[in-house]
């Protein structure tokens, strides 16, 4: 098994998270670090994926409204549409070298979904996929968003799992450009807030199982 380093970074501003990923991707390409998983939370921020970075049509709030709520806006440099990050949402940035035997971008996204489906199952939640859509769903509501970037088969960006997220902030956007489906969280489904540390541990365990990794 390949080793995996897990970095729990706590609450990190989005721009600092981007800088950290760039640093880790460069180091992973150079072979100076092993595969790494960064787990963190972001202050409230709306991010635009490459699909919509020239357009704000899926951002429903004005700059003034976002400023009043303390919500930042960033172009993310990842795949996908618009999404929201905020406290209570577990964000995972896997910095993995998919060479030589996992060089399939579509399968990589499906594998990330599988990790989060298993995390939900551990809480007795039946989560799954929607044909033609990315992410993890419980019924018609998305509990986890996925948007990734690959550079020379080294991954960055990743997933955002709603644990105790302020779901009201999703009303500021059309999440992932999908207007006819909702957003949910583990807390809302369970009726109680699971401990973030427990959710992190479950993510690490299932990521290792799915990707054949072992925590270093």
N, C-alpha and C. Protein backbone atom coordinates (compact mmCIF):
# COMPACT_ATOMS: atom_id res chain seq x y z
N UNK A 1 0.84 -1.21 0.00
CA UNK A 1 0.00 0.00 0.00
C UNK A 1 0.87 1.25 0.00
N UNK A 2 0.40 2.28 -0.70
CA UNK A 2 1.11 3.56 -0.71
C UNK A 2 0.79 4.31 0.58
N UNK A 3 1.76 5.07 1.09
CA UNK A 3 1.50 5.84 2.31
C UNK A 3 0.66 7.08 2.03
N UNK A 4 -0.11 7.49 3.02
CA UNK A 4 -0.92 8.70 2.95
C UNK A 4 -0.63 9.55 4.18
N UNK A 5 -0.27 10.80 3.96
CA UNK A 5 -0.13 11.76 5.06
C UNK A 5 -1.43 12.54 5.17
N UNK A 6 -1.96 12.65 6.38
CA UNK A 6 -3.20 13.41 6.61
C UNK A 6 -2.85 14.69 7.36
N UNK A 7 -3.26 15.82 6.78
CA UNK A 7 -3.03 17.12 7.41
C UNK A 7 -4.37 17.72 7.79
N UNK A 8 -4.59 17.88 9.08
CA UNK A 8 -5.82 18.52 9.57
C UNK A 8 -5.50 19.98 9.83
N UNK A 9 -6.03 20.85 8.98
CA UNK A 9 -5.59 22.24 8.97
C UNK A 9 -6.53 23.18 9.73
N UNK A 10 -7.71 22.70 10.12
CA UNK A 10 -8.64 23.56 10.85
C UNK A 10 -9.35 24.54 9.92
N UNK A 11 -9.64 25.75 10.42
CA UNK A 11 -10.35 26.76 9.64
C UNK A 11 -9.32 27.58 8.85
N UNK A 12 -9.40 27.52 7.52
CA UNK A 12 -8.39 28.13 6.65
C UNK A 12 -9.08 29.02 5.62
N UNK A 13 -8.69 30.28 5.49
CA UNK A 13 -9.25 31.13 4.42
C UNK A 13 -9.06 30.47 3.06
N UNK A 14 -10.01 30.70 2.16
CA UNK A 14 -10.00 29.98 0.89
C UNK A 14 -8.72 30.24 0.09
N UNK A 15 -8.27 31.50 0.05
CA UNK A 15 -7.07 31.79 -0.73
C UNK A 15 -5.84 31.10 -0.14
N UNK A 16 -5.80 30.98 1.18
CA UNK A 16 -4.69 30.25 1.81
C UNK A 16 -4.76 28.76 1.47
N UNK A 17 -5.99 28.23 1.36
CA UNK A 17 -6.17 26.84 0.96
C UNK A 17 -5.68 26.59 -0.45
N UNK A 18 -5.93 27.56 -1.36
CA UNK A 18 -5.43 27.44 -2.73
C UNK A 18 -3.90 27.43 -2.75
N UNK A 19 -3.31 28.33 -1.97
CA UNK A 19 -1.84 28.41 -1.93
C UNK A 19 -1.24 27.13 -1.37
N UNK A 20 -1.87 26.57 -0.33
CA UNK A 20 -1.38 25.33 0.25
C UNK A 20 -1.44 24.20 -0.76
N UNK A 21 -2.55 24.12 -1.51
CA UNK A 21 -2.67 23.08 -2.52
C UNK A 21 -1.59 23.21 -3.60
N UNK A 22 -1.35 24.43 -4.05
CA UNK A 22 -0.33 24.64 -5.09
C UNK A 22 1.03 24.16 -4.60
N UNK A 23 1.33 24.46 -3.36
CA UNK A 23 2.61 24.04 -2.77
C UNK A 23 2.71 22.52 -2.70
N UNK A 24 1.62 21.88 -2.25
CA UNK A 24 1.64 20.43 -2.10
C UNK A 24 1.65 19.72 -3.45
N UNK A 25 0.94 20.26 -4.44
CA UNK A 25 0.94 19.65 -5.77
C UNK A 25 2.35 19.68 -6.36
N UNK A 26 3.02 20.82 -6.23
CA UNK A 26 4.39 20.93 -6.74
C UNK A 26 5.31 19.92 -6.05
N UNK A 27 5.14 19.77 -4.75
CA UNK A 27 5.98 18.83 -4.01
C UNK A 27 5.65 17.39 -4.38
N UNK A 28 4.36 17.10 -4.62
CA UNK A 28 3.99 15.74 -5.00
C UNK A 28 4.54 15.40 -6.37
N UNK A 29 4.48 16.35 -7.31
CA UNK A 29 5.04 16.13 -8.64
C UNK A 29 6.55 15.89 -8.57
N UNK A 30 7.20 16.60 -7.65
CA UNK A 30 8.65 16.45 -7.50
C UNK A 30 9.02 15.19 -6.73
N UNK A 31 8.03 14.53 -6.15
CA UNK A 31 8.29 13.31 -5.40
C UNK A 31 8.88 13.55 -4.02
N UNK A 32 8.74 14.77 -3.51
CA UNK A 32 9.32 15.08 -2.19
C UNK A 32 8.34 14.85 -1.05
N UNK A 33 7.05 14.61 -1.37
CA UNK A 33 6.07 14.22 -0.35
C UNK A 33 5.27 13.04 -0.89
N UNK A 34 4.72 12.22 0.01
CA UNK A 34 3.84 11.14 -0.44
C UNK A 34 2.44 11.70 -0.72
N UNK A 35 1.52 10.82 -1.13
CA UNK A 35 0.13 11.23 -1.26
C UNK A 35 -0.32 11.87 0.05
N UNK A 36 -1.10 12.93 -0.07
CA UNK A 36 -1.47 13.73 1.10
C UNK A 36 -2.96 14.07 1.03
N UNK A 37 -3.64 14.02 2.16
CA UNK A 37 -5.02 14.45 2.27
C UNK A 37 -5.08 15.62 3.24
N UNK A 38 -5.55 16.77 2.75
CA UNK A 38 -5.74 17.94 3.60
C UNK A 38 -7.22 18.00 3.97
N UNK A 39 -7.50 18.03 5.26
CA UNK A 39 -8.86 18.18 5.76
C UNK A 39 -8.96 19.53 6.46
N UNK A 40 -9.98 20.31 6.09
CA UNK A 40 -10.11 21.65 6.66
C UNK A 40 -11.55 22.14 6.53
N UNK A 41 -11.78 23.31 7.09
CA UNK A 41 -13.02 24.04 6.88
C UNK A 41 -12.65 25.44 6.38
N UNK A 42 -13.55 26.05 5.64
CA UNK A 42 -13.33 27.40 5.16
C UNK A 42 -14.31 28.38 5.80
N UNK A 43 -13.90 29.64 6.03
CA UNK A 43 -14.88 30.67 6.33
C UNK A 43 -15.85 30.78 5.16
N UNK A 44 -17.01 31.41 5.34
CA UNK A 44 -18.01 31.45 4.27
C UNK A 44 -17.46 32.00 2.96
N UNK A 45 -17.60 31.22 1.89
CA UNK A 45 -17.06 31.62 0.59
C UNK A 45 -17.84 30.92 -0.53
N UNK A 46 -18.09 31.66 -1.60
CA UNK A 46 -18.66 31.10 -2.82
C UNK A 46 -17.53 30.94 -3.82
N UNK A 47 -17.44 29.77 -4.45
CA UNK A 47 -16.35 29.52 -5.39
C UNK A 47 -16.93 29.20 -6.77
N UNK A 48 -16.26 29.71 -7.79
CA UNK A 48 -16.68 29.51 -9.17
C UNK A 48 -15.72 28.54 -9.85
N UNK A 49 -16.26 27.42 -10.36
CA UNK A 49 -15.44 26.47 -11.10
C UNK A 49 -15.16 26.95 -12.50
N UNK A 50 -14.31 26.24 -13.23
CA UNK A 50 -13.90 26.68 -14.58
C UNK A 50 -15.09 26.74 -15.53
N UNK A 51 -16.13 25.98 -15.23
CA UNK A 51 -17.30 25.96 -16.10
C UNK A 51 -17.99 27.33 -16.16
N UNK A 52 -17.88 28.11 -15.07
CA UNK A 52 -18.65 29.36 -14.97
C UNK A 52 -17.82 30.56 -14.56
N UNK A 53 -16.50 30.47 -14.68
CA UNK A 53 -15.69 31.54 -14.09
C UNK A 53 -15.88 32.88 -14.81
N UNK A 54 -16.40 32.85 -16.05
CA UNK A 54 -16.68 34.10 -16.75
C UNK A 54 -18.10 34.58 -16.50
N UNK A 55 -18.86 33.84 -15.71
CA UNK A 55 -20.27 34.16 -15.52
C UNK A 55 -20.65 34.07 -14.05
N UNK A 56 -21.54 34.99 -13.65
CA UNK A 56 -22.04 34.94 -12.26
C UNK A 56 -23.53 34.63 -12.23
N UNK A 57 -24.06 34.04 -13.30
CA UNK A 57 -25.50 33.85 -13.35
C UNK A 57 -26.01 32.91 -12.25
N UNK A 58 -25.15 32.03 -11.73
CA UNK A 58 -25.58 31.12 -10.67
C UNK A 58 -25.28 31.66 -9.27
N UNK A 59 -24.76 32.89 -9.21
CA UNK A 59 -24.63 33.60 -7.92
C UNK A 59 -25.83 34.55 -7.82
N UNK A 60 -26.71 34.28 -6.88
CA UNK A 60 -27.98 35.00 -6.80
C UNK A 60 -27.87 36.29 -5.99
N UNK A 61 -26.84 36.40 -5.17
CA UNK A 61 -26.68 37.56 -4.30
C UNK A 61 -25.75 38.59 -4.95
N UNK A 62 -25.98 39.86 -4.64
CA UNK A 62 -25.11 40.93 -5.13
C UNK A 62 -23.84 40.98 -4.29
N UNK A 63 -22.84 41.72 -4.79
CA UNK A 63 -21.61 41.90 -4.01
C UNK A 63 -21.92 42.54 -2.67
N UNK A 64 -22.88 43.47 -2.67
CA UNK A 64 -23.24 44.15 -1.41
C UNK A 64 -23.86 43.17 -0.42
N UNK A 65 -24.73 42.30 -0.92
CA UNK A 65 -25.35 41.31 -0.04
C UNK A 65 -24.31 40.33 0.52
N UNK A 66 -23.41 39.90 -0.36
CA UNK A 66 -22.35 38.97 0.09
C UNK A 66 -21.48 39.65 1.14
N UNK A 67 -21.13 40.91 0.90
CA UNK A 67 -20.30 41.65 1.85
C UNK A 67 -20.98 41.79 3.20
N UNK A 68 -22.28 42.05 3.18
CA UNK A 68 -23.02 42.22 4.44
C UNK A 68 -23.06 40.92 5.23
N UNK A 69 -23.06 39.79 4.52
CA UNK A 69 -23.11 38.48 5.18
C UNK A 69 -21.72 37.94 5.49
N UNK A 70 -20.67 38.64 5.03
CA UNK A 70 -19.31 38.17 5.25
C UNK A 70 -18.94 36.97 4.42
N UNK A 71 -19.53 36.89 3.21
CA UNK A 71 -19.27 35.76 2.32
C UNK A 71 -18.36 36.23 1.19
N UNK A 72 -17.20 35.60 1.04
CA UNK A 72 -16.24 35.95 -0.01
C UNK A 72 -16.62 35.26 -1.32
N UNK A 73 -15.97 35.70 -2.42
CA UNK A 73 -16.21 35.12 -3.74
C UNK A 73 -14.86 34.90 -4.42
N UNK A 74 -14.63 33.66 -4.92
CA UNK A 74 -13.36 33.32 -5.53
C UNK A 74 -13.56 32.49 -6.79
N UNK A 75 -12.66 32.65 -7.77
CA UNK A 75 -12.53 31.68 -8.85
C UNK A 75 -11.63 30.56 -8.34
N UNK A 76 -12.11 29.33 -8.49
CA UNK A 76 -11.47 28.22 -7.80
C UNK A 76 -10.41 27.48 -8.61
N UNK A 77 -10.51 27.49 -9.94
CA UNK A 77 -9.56 26.74 -10.75
C UNK A 77 -9.79 25.24 -10.76
N UNK A 78 -10.98 24.82 -10.30
CA UNK A 78 -11.33 23.40 -10.33
C UNK A 78 -12.41 23.20 -11.37
N UNK A 79 -12.74 21.93 -11.62
CA UNK A 79 -13.86 21.63 -12.48
C UNK A 79 -15.18 21.95 -11.79
N UNK A 80 -16.24 22.01 -12.59
CA UNK A 80 -17.56 22.19 -12.02
C UNK A 80 -18.06 23.61 -12.08
N UNK A 81 -19.15 23.84 -11.37
CA UNK A 81 -19.90 25.08 -11.42
C UNK A 81 -19.65 25.86 -10.12
N UNK A 82 -20.69 26.49 -9.61
CA UNK A 82 -20.57 27.32 -8.41
C UNK A 82 -20.91 26.50 -7.17
N UNK A 83 -20.18 26.72 -6.09
CA UNK A 83 -20.50 26.04 -4.85
C UNK A 83 -20.22 26.96 -3.68
N UNK A 84 -20.63 26.51 -2.50
CA UNK A 84 -20.47 27.28 -1.27
C UNK A 84 -19.67 26.46 -0.27
N UNK A 85 -18.75 27.11 0.42
CA UNK A 85 -18.04 26.50 1.54
C UNK A 85 -18.26 27.35 2.78
N UNK A 86 -18.32 26.70 3.92
CA UNK A 86 -18.46 27.45 5.16
C UNK A 86 -18.18 26.55 6.35
N UNK A 87 -18.08 27.14 7.54
CA UNK A 87 -17.84 26.36 8.75
C UNK A 87 -18.89 25.25 8.90
N UNK A 88 -18.45 24.12 9.42
CA UNK A 88 -19.35 22.98 9.57
C UNK A 88 -19.39 22.09 8.35
N UNK A 89 -18.65 22.47 7.32
CA UNK A 89 -18.54 21.65 6.11
C UNK A 89 -17.12 21.09 6.06
N UNK A 90 -17.01 19.78 5.96
CA UNK A 90 -15.70 19.15 5.89
C UNK A 90 -15.21 19.15 4.45
N UNK A 91 -14.14 19.90 4.20
CA UNK A 91 -13.55 19.99 2.87
C UNK A 91 -12.30 19.11 2.85
N UNK A 92 -12.21 18.29 1.82
CA UNK A 92 -11.06 17.42 1.66
C UNK A 92 -10.34 17.70 0.36
N UNK A 93 -9.04 17.94 0.45
CA UNK A 93 -8.21 18.16 -0.73
C UNK A 93 -7.21 17.02 -0.83
N UNK A 94 -7.54 15.97 -1.59
CA UNK A 94 -6.57 14.89 -1.79
C UNK A 94 -5.52 15.33 -2.82
N UNK A 95 -4.27 15.25 -2.44
CA UNK A 95 -3.14 15.52 -3.35
C UNK A 95 -2.52 14.16 -3.65
N UNK A 96 -3.05 13.51 -4.67
CA UNK A 96 -2.68 12.12 -4.97
C UNK A 96 -2.04 12.04 -6.35
N UNK A 97 -1.02 11.22 -6.47
CA UNK A 97 -0.43 10.92 -7.78
C UNK A 97 -1.13 9.66 -8.30
N UNK A 98 -1.94 9.82 -9.34
CA UNK A 98 -2.72 8.70 -9.87
C UNK A 98 -1.90 7.78 -10.77
N UNK A 99 -0.68 8.18 -11.09
CA UNK A 99 0.18 7.31 -11.91
C UNK A 99 0.67 6.14 -11.05
N UNK A 100 0.89 4.96 -11.58
CA UNK A 100 0.68 4.61 -12.98
C UNK A 100 -0.66 3.90 -13.22
N UNK A 101 -1.36 3.49 -12.16
CA UNK A 101 -2.46 2.53 -12.35
C UNK A 101 -3.85 3.11 -12.12
N UNK A 102 -3.97 4.43 -11.84
CA UNK A 102 -5.29 5.01 -11.61
C UNK A 102 -5.53 6.22 -12.52
N UNK A 103 -4.97 6.16 -13.73
CA UNK A 103 -5.01 7.31 -14.63
C UNK A 103 -6.34 7.35 -15.40
N UNK A 104 -7.40 7.66 -14.67
CA UNK A 104 -8.75 7.73 -15.23
C UNK A 104 -9.51 8.77 -14.42
N UNK A 105 -9.69 9.95 -15.02
CA UNK A 105 -10.29 11.07 -14.27
C UNK A 105 -11.72 10.76 -13.86
N UNK A 106 -12.47 10.13 -14.74
CA UNK A 106 -13.87 9.79 -14.44
C UNK A 106 -13.93 8.83 -13.25
N UNK A 107 -13.08 7.80 -13.29
CA UNK A 107 -13.07 6.83 -12.18
C UNK A 107 -12.63 7.51 -10.88
N UNK A 108 -11.71 8.46 -10.97
CA UNK A 108 -11.27 9.16 -9.76
C UNK A 108 -12.44 9.86 -9.08
N UNK A 109 -13.27 10.54 -9.86
CA UNK A 109 -14.43 11.22 -9.28
C UNK A 109 -15.40 10.20 -8.68
N UNK A 110 -15.64 9.10 -9.41
CA UNK A 110 -16.54 8.07 -8.87
C UNK A 110 -15.98 7.48 -7.57
N UNK A 111 -14.66 7.33 -7.49
CA UNK A 111 -14.05 6.80 -6.27
C UNK A 111 -14.23 7.77 -5.09
N UNK A 112 -14.10 9.07 -5.35
CA UNK A 112 -14.36 10.04 -4.28
C UNK A 112 -15.80 9.95 -3.82
N UNK A 113 -16.72 9.81 -4.77
CA UNK A 113 -18.13 9.63 -4.39
C UNK A 113 -18.29 8.39 -3.53
N UNK A 114 -17.62 7.31 -3.90
CA UNK A 114 -17.72 6.06 -3.14
C UNK A 114 -17.26 6.25 -1.69
N UNK A 115 -16.16 6.99 -1.50
CA UNK A 115 -15.68 7.27 -0.15
C UNK A 115 -16.77 7.92 0.68
N UNK A 116 -17.43 8.94 0.12
CA UNK A 116 -18.43 9.70 0.87
C UNK A 116 -19.73 8.92 1.04
N UNK A 117 -20.08 8.09 0.07
CA UNK A 117 -21.24 7.21 0.23
C UNK A 117 -21.02 6.27 1.40
N UNK A 118 -19.80 5.75 1.54
CA UNK A 118 -19.49 4.86 2.66
C UNK A 118 -19.51 5.61 3.99
N UNK A 119 -19.03 6.86 4.00
CA UNK A 119 -19.09 7.66 5.22
C UNK A 119 -20.54 7.82 5.67
N UNK A 120 -21.40 8.16 4.72
CA UNK A 120 -22.82 8.32 5.05
C UNK A 120 -23.42 7.01 5.57
N UNK A 121 -23.06 5.91 4.92
CA UNK A 121 -23.58 4.60 5.34
C UNK A 121 -23.22 4.29 6.79
N UNK A 122 -22.04 4.75 7.21
CA UNK A 122 -21.62 4.55 8.59
C UNK A 122 -22.51 5.25 9.59
N UNK A 123 -23.25 6.24 9.13
CA UNK A 123 -24.22 6.94 9.99
C UNK A 123 -25.65 6.47 9.71
N UNK A 124 -25.77 5.37 9.00
CA UNK A 124 -27.09 4.83 8.70
C UNK A 124 -27.84 5.59 7.62
N UNK A 125 -27.11 6.36 6.82
CA UNK A 125 -27.72 7.19 5.78
C UNK A 125 -27.50 6.52 4.42
N UNK A 126 -28.58 6.32 3.68
CA UNK A 126 -28.47 5.72 2.36
C UNK A 126 -28.24 6.82 1.34
N UNK A 127 -27.00 7.00 0.96
CA UNK A 127 -26.61 8.02 -0.02
C UNK A 127 -26.23 7.33 -1.32
N UNK A 128 -26.25 8.11 -2.41
CA UNK A 128 -25.91 7.52 -3.69
C UNK A 128 -25.60 8.57 -4.74
N UNK A 129 -25.58 8.14 -5.99
CA UNK A 129 -25.26 9.00 -7.13
C UNK A 129 -26.52 9.32 -7.92
N UNK A 130 -26.45 10.37 -8.73
CA UNK A 130 -27.50 10.71 -9.69
C UNK A 130 -26.90 10.62 -11.08
N UNK A 131 -27.53 9.88 -11.99
CA UNK A 131 -26.99 9.77 -13.36
C UNK A 131 -26.79 11.15 -13.99
N UNK A 132 -25.60 11.36 -14.52
CA UNK A 132 -25.30 12.61 -15.20
C UNK A 132 -24.90 13.75 -14.29
N UNK A 133 -24.94 13.53 -12.97
CA UNK A 133 -24.58 14.58 -12.01
C UNK A 133 -23.43 14.10 -11.14
N UNK A 134 -22.61 15.04 -10.70
CA UNK A 134 -21.49 14.72 -9.82
C UNK A 134 -21.88 15.02 -8.38
N UNK A 135 -21.34 14.26 -7.45
CA UNK A 135 -21.61 14.50 -6.04
C UNK A 135 -22.32 13.32 -5.40
N UNK A 136 -22.68 13.51 -4.14
CA UNK A 136 -23.35 12.45 -3.37
C UNK A 136 -24.70 12.98 -2.90
N UNK A 137 -25.71 12.17 -3.09
CA UNK A 137 -27.09 12.60 -2.90
C UNK A 137 -27.81 11.71 -1.89
N UNK A 138 -28.71 12.34 -1.14
CA UNK A 138 -29.64 11.62 -0.28
C UNK A 138 -31.03 12.02 -0.77
N UNK A 139 -31.70 11.10 -1.45
CA UNK A 139 -32.94 11.47 -2.12
C UNK A 139 -32.64 12.48 -3.22
N UNK A 140 -33.35 13.60 -3.19
CA UNK A 140 -33.15 14.65 -4.21
C UNK A 140 -32.26 15.77 -3.69
N UNK A 141 -31.59 15.55 -2.58
CA UNK A 141 -30.76 16.60 -1.97
C UNK A 141 -29.30 16.18 -1.94
N UNK A 142 -28.43 17.13 -2.27
CA UNK A 142 -26.99 16.85 -2.31
C UNK A 142 -26.39 17.05 -0.92
N UNK A 143 -25.65 16.05 -0.46
CA UNK A 143 -24.99 16.15 0.84
C UNK A 143 -23.50 16.42 0.68
N UNK A 144 -22.96 16.14 -0.50
CA UNK A 144 -21.53 16.38 -0.75
C UNK A 144 -21.31 16.78 -2.20
N UNK A 145 -20.51 17.82 -2.38
CA UNK A 145 -20.15 18.29 -3.72
C UNK A 145 -18.72 17.87 -4.03
N UNK A 146 -18.44 17.65 -5.31
CA UNK A 146 -17.10 17.24 -5.75
C UNK A 146 -16.70 18.09 -6.94
N UNK A 147 -15.49 18.61 -6.89
CA UNK A 147 -14.91 19.35 -8.01
C UNK A 147 -13.41 19.17 -7.95
N UNK A 148 -12.82 18.64 -9.00
CA UNK A 148 -11.41 18.25 -8.92
C UNK A 148 -10.59 18.91 -10.03
N UNK A 149 -9.30 18.88 -9.81
CA UNK A 149 -8.35 19.33 -10.83
C UNK A 149 -7.24 18.30 -10.90
N UNK A 150 -6.79 18.00 -12.11
CA UNK A 150 -5.67 17.09 -12.30
C UNK A 150 -4.59 17.80 -13.11
N UNK A 151 -3.37 17.69 -12.67
CA UNK A 151 -2.23 18.25 -13.38
C UNK A 151 -1.13 17.19 -13.42
N UNK A 152 -0.86 16.71 -14.62
CA UNK A 152 0.10 15.59 -14.80
C UNK A 152 -0.26 14.43 -13.86
N UNK A 153 -1.56 14.20 -13.74
CA UNK A 153 -2.14 13.11 -12.95
C UNK A 153 -1.94 13.26 -11.45
N UNK A 154 -1.60 14.46 -11.01
CA UNK A 154 -1.62 14.76 -9.57
C UNK A 154 -2.91 15.56 -9.29
N UNK A 155 -3.66 15.10 -8.32
CA UNK A 155 -4.98 15.67 -8.06
C UNK A 155 -4.90 16.84 -7.08
N UNK A 156 -5.89 17.73 -7.20
CA UNK A 156 -6.10 18.77 -6.18
C UNK A 156 -7.58 19.12 -6.15
N UNK A 157 -7.93 20.08 -5.31
CA UNK A 157 -9.34 20.33 -4.97
C UNK A 157 -9.92 19.00 -4.47
N UNK A 158 -11.21 18.76 -4.61
CA UNK A 158 -11.71 17.50 -4.05
C UNK A 158 -13.17 17.54 -3.71
N UNK A 159 -13.49 17.43 -2.41
CA UNK A 159 -14.89 17.27 -2.01
C UNK A 159 -15.24 18.18 -0.84
N UNK A 160 -16.54 18.41 -0.70
CA UNK A 160 -17.07 19.18 0.42
C UNK A 160 -18.30 18.46 0.96
N UNK A 161 -18.20 17.95 2.17
CA UNK A 161 -19.28 17.19 2.80
C UNK A 161 -19.96 18.07 3.85
N UNK A 162 -21.25 18.27 3.68
CA UNK A 162 -22.00 19.09 4.63
C UNK A 162 -22.26 18.31 5.91
N UNK A 163 -21.63 18.74 6.98
CA UNK A 163 -21.80 18.09 8.28
C UNK A 163 -22.77 18.90 9.12
N UNK A 164 -22.37 20.11 9.50
CA UNK A 164 -23.27 21.00 10.25
C UNK A 164 -23.32 22.36 9.57
N UNK A 165 -23.22 22.37 8.25
CA UNK A 165 -23.13 23.60 7.46
C UNK A 165 -24.40 24.44 7.59
N UNK A 166 -24.24 25.77 7.52
CA UNK A 166 -25.38 26.68 7.45
C UNK A 166 -26.02 26.53 6.06
N UNK A 167 -27.08 25.76 5.97
CA UNK A 167 -27.68 25.47 4.67
C UNK A 167 -28.36 26.69 4.07
N UNK A 168 -28.68 27.68 4.90
CA UNK A 168 -29.30 28.90 4.40
C UNK A 168 -28.41 29.63 3.40
N UNK A 169 -27.09 29.51 3.58
CA UNK A 169 -26.17 30.20 2.68
C UNK A 169 -26.21 29.64 1.25
N UNK A 170 -26.69 28.40 1.09
CA UNK A 170 -26.82 27.86 -0.26
C UNK A 170 -27.88 28.60 -1.06
N UNK A 171 -28.74 29.34 -0.37
CA UNK A 171 -29.73 30.15 -1.06
C UNK A 171 -29.13 31.34 -1.79
N UNK A 172 -27.85 31.60 -1.55
CA UNK A 172 -27.16 32.70 -2.25
C UNK A 172 -26.74 32.30 -3.65
N UNK A 173 -26.81 30.99 -3.96
CA UNK A 173 -26.34 30.49 -5.25
C UNK A 173 -27.33 29.47 -5.81
N UNK A 174 -27.10 29.08 -7.06
CA UNK A 174 -27.73 27.88 -7.62
C UNK A 174 -26.67 26.79 -7.49
N UNK A 175 -26.73 25.97 -6.43
CA UNK A 175 -25.61 25.04 -6.13
C UNK A 175 -25.28 24.14 -7.32
N UNK A 176 -24.02 24.23 -7.76
CA UNK A 176 -23.52 23.43 -8.87
C UNK A 176 -24.35 23.64 -10.14
N UNK A 177 -25.08 24.76 -10.20
CA UNK A 177 -25.88 25.08 -11.38
C UNK A 177 -27.15 24.25 -11.50
N UNK A 178 -27.52 23.53 -10.43
CA UNK A 178 -28.69 22.64 -10.48
C UNK A 178 -29.82 23.31 -9.69
N UNK A 179 -30.82 23.81 -10.42
CA UNK A 179 -31.85 24.63 -9.78
C UNK A 179 -32.98 23.81 -9.15
N UNK A 180 -33.16 22.57 -9.59
CA UNK A 180 -34.36 21.83 -9.19
C UNK A 180 -34.11 20.79 -8.10
N UNK A 181 -32.96 20.86 -7.45
CA UNK A 181 -32.69 19.93 -6.35
C UNK A 181 -32.11 20.70 -5.17
N UNK A 182 -32.27 20.14 -3.98
CA UNK A 182 -31.87 20.85 -2.78
C UNK A 182 -30.52 20.40 -2.25
N UNK A 183 -30.19 20.93 -1.08
CA UNK A 183 -28.93 20.63 -0.39
C UNK A 183 -29.27 20.23 1.04
N UNK A 184 -28.53 19.28 1.57
CA UNK A 184 -28.78 18.84 2.93
C UNK A 184 -27.46 18.64 3.66
N UNK A 185 -27.53 18.22 4.91
CA UNK A 185 -26.33 17.98 5.73
C UNK A 185 -26.54 16.75 6.60
N UNK A 186 -25.45 16.21 7.11
CA UNK A 186 -25.57 15.08 8.04
C UNK A 186 -26.41 15.47 9.24
N UNK A 187 -26.19 16.69 9.74
CA UNK A 187 -26.94 17.15 10.91
C UNK A 187 -28.44 17.18 10.63
N UNK A 188 -28.81 17.69 9.48
CA UNK A 188 -30.24 17.79 9.16
C UNK A 188 -30.86 16.41 8.99
N UNK A 189 -30.14 15.49 8.36
CA UNK A 189 -30.67 14.15 8.14
C UNK A 189 -30.80 13.39 9.46
N UNK A 190 -29.77 13.52 10.30
CA UNK A 190 -29.72 12.74 11.54
C UNK A 190 -30.52 13.38 12.67
N UNK A 191 -30.75 14.70 12.56
CA UNK A 191 -31.43 15.40 13.65
C UNK A 191 -30.50 15.76 14.79
N UNK A 192 -29.23 15.45 14.63
CA UNK A 192 -28.22 15.79 15.64
C UNK A 192 -26.89 16.01 14.92
N UNK A 193 -26.00 16.76 15.55
CA UNK A 193 -24.74 17.10 14.90
C UNK A 193 -23.67 16.06 15.21
N UNK A 194 -23.19 15.33 14.20
CA UNK A 194 -22.07 14.41 14.47
C UNK A 194 -20.80 15.19 14.72
N UNK A 195 -19.91 14.62 15.51
CA UNK A 195 -18.64 15.28 15.81
C UNK A 195 -17.78 15.32 14.56
N UNK A 196 -17.24 16.51 14.24
CA UNK A 196 -16.42 16.66 13.03
C UNK A 196 -15.24 15.71 13.06
N UNK A 197 -14.63 15.52 14.23
CA UNK A 197 -13.47 14.62 14.33
C UNK A 197 -13.85 13.19 13.94
N UNK A 198 -15.05 12.77 14.28
CA UNK A 198 -15.50 11.42 13.92
C UNK A 198 -15.72 11.31 12.41
N UNK A 199 -16.28 12.37 11.82
CA UNK A 199 -16.50 12.36 10.37
C UNK A 199 -15.15 12.35 9.65
N UNK A 200 -14.20 13.14 10.14
CA UNK A 200 -12.86 13.15 9.55
C UNK A 200 -12.25 11.75 9.58
N UNK A 201 -12.36 11.08 10.73
CA UNK A 201 -11.78 9.75 10.87
C UNK A 201 -12.42 8.78 9.89
N UNK A 202 -13.73 8.90 9.70
CA UNK A 202 -14.42 8.02 8.75
C UNK A 202 -13.96 8.30 7.33
N UNK A 203 -13.79 9.56 6.97
CA UNK A 203 -13.31 9.92 5.63
C UNK A 203 -11.93 9.32 5.39
N UNK A 204 -11.03 9.47 6.35
CA UNK A 204 -9.67 8.95 6.20
C UNK A 204 -9.70 7.43 6.01
N UNK A 205 -10.47 6.75 6.85
CA UNK A 205 -10.54 5.30 6.77
C UNK A 205 -11.06 4.80 5.43
N UNK A 206 -12.15 5.42 4.96
CA UNK A 206 -12.75 4.96 3.71
C UNK A 206 -11.91 5.38 2.50
N UNK A 207 -11.25 6.54 2.57
CA UNK A 207 -10.38 6.94 1.47
C UNK A 207 -9.21 5.96 1.33
N UNK A 208 -8.66 5.55 2.46
CA UNK A 208 -7.57 4.58 2.42
C UNK A 208 -8.05 3.24 1.82
N UNK A 209 -9.26 2.84 2.20
CA UNK A 209 -9.79 1.56 1.70
C UNK A 209 -10.05 1.61 0.21
N UNK A 210 -10.64 2.70 -0.27
CA UNK A 210 -10.99 2.81 -1.68
C UNK A 210 -9.76 2.97 -2.57
N UNK A 211 -8.77 3.73 -2.07
CA UNK A 211 -7.60 4.04 -2.91
C UNK A 211 -6.38 3.16 -2.60
N UNK A 212 -6.51 2.22 -1.67
CA UNK A 212 -5.38 1.37 -1.38
C UNK A 212 -4.23 2.09 -0.72
N UNK A 213 -4.56 2.97 0.24
CA UNK A 213 -3.55 3.77 0.93
C UNK A 213 -3.49 3.35 2.40
N UNK A 214 -2.41 3.75 3.05
CA UNK A 214 -2.23 3.46 4.47
C UNK A 214 -1.67 4.70 5.14
N UNK A 215 -2.32 5.15 6.21
CA UNK A 215 -1.89 6.39 6.87
C UNK A 215 -0.48 6.25 7.39
N UNK A 216 0.35 7.20 6.96
CA UNK A 216 1.77 7.15 7.34
C UNK A 216 1.95 7.64 8.77
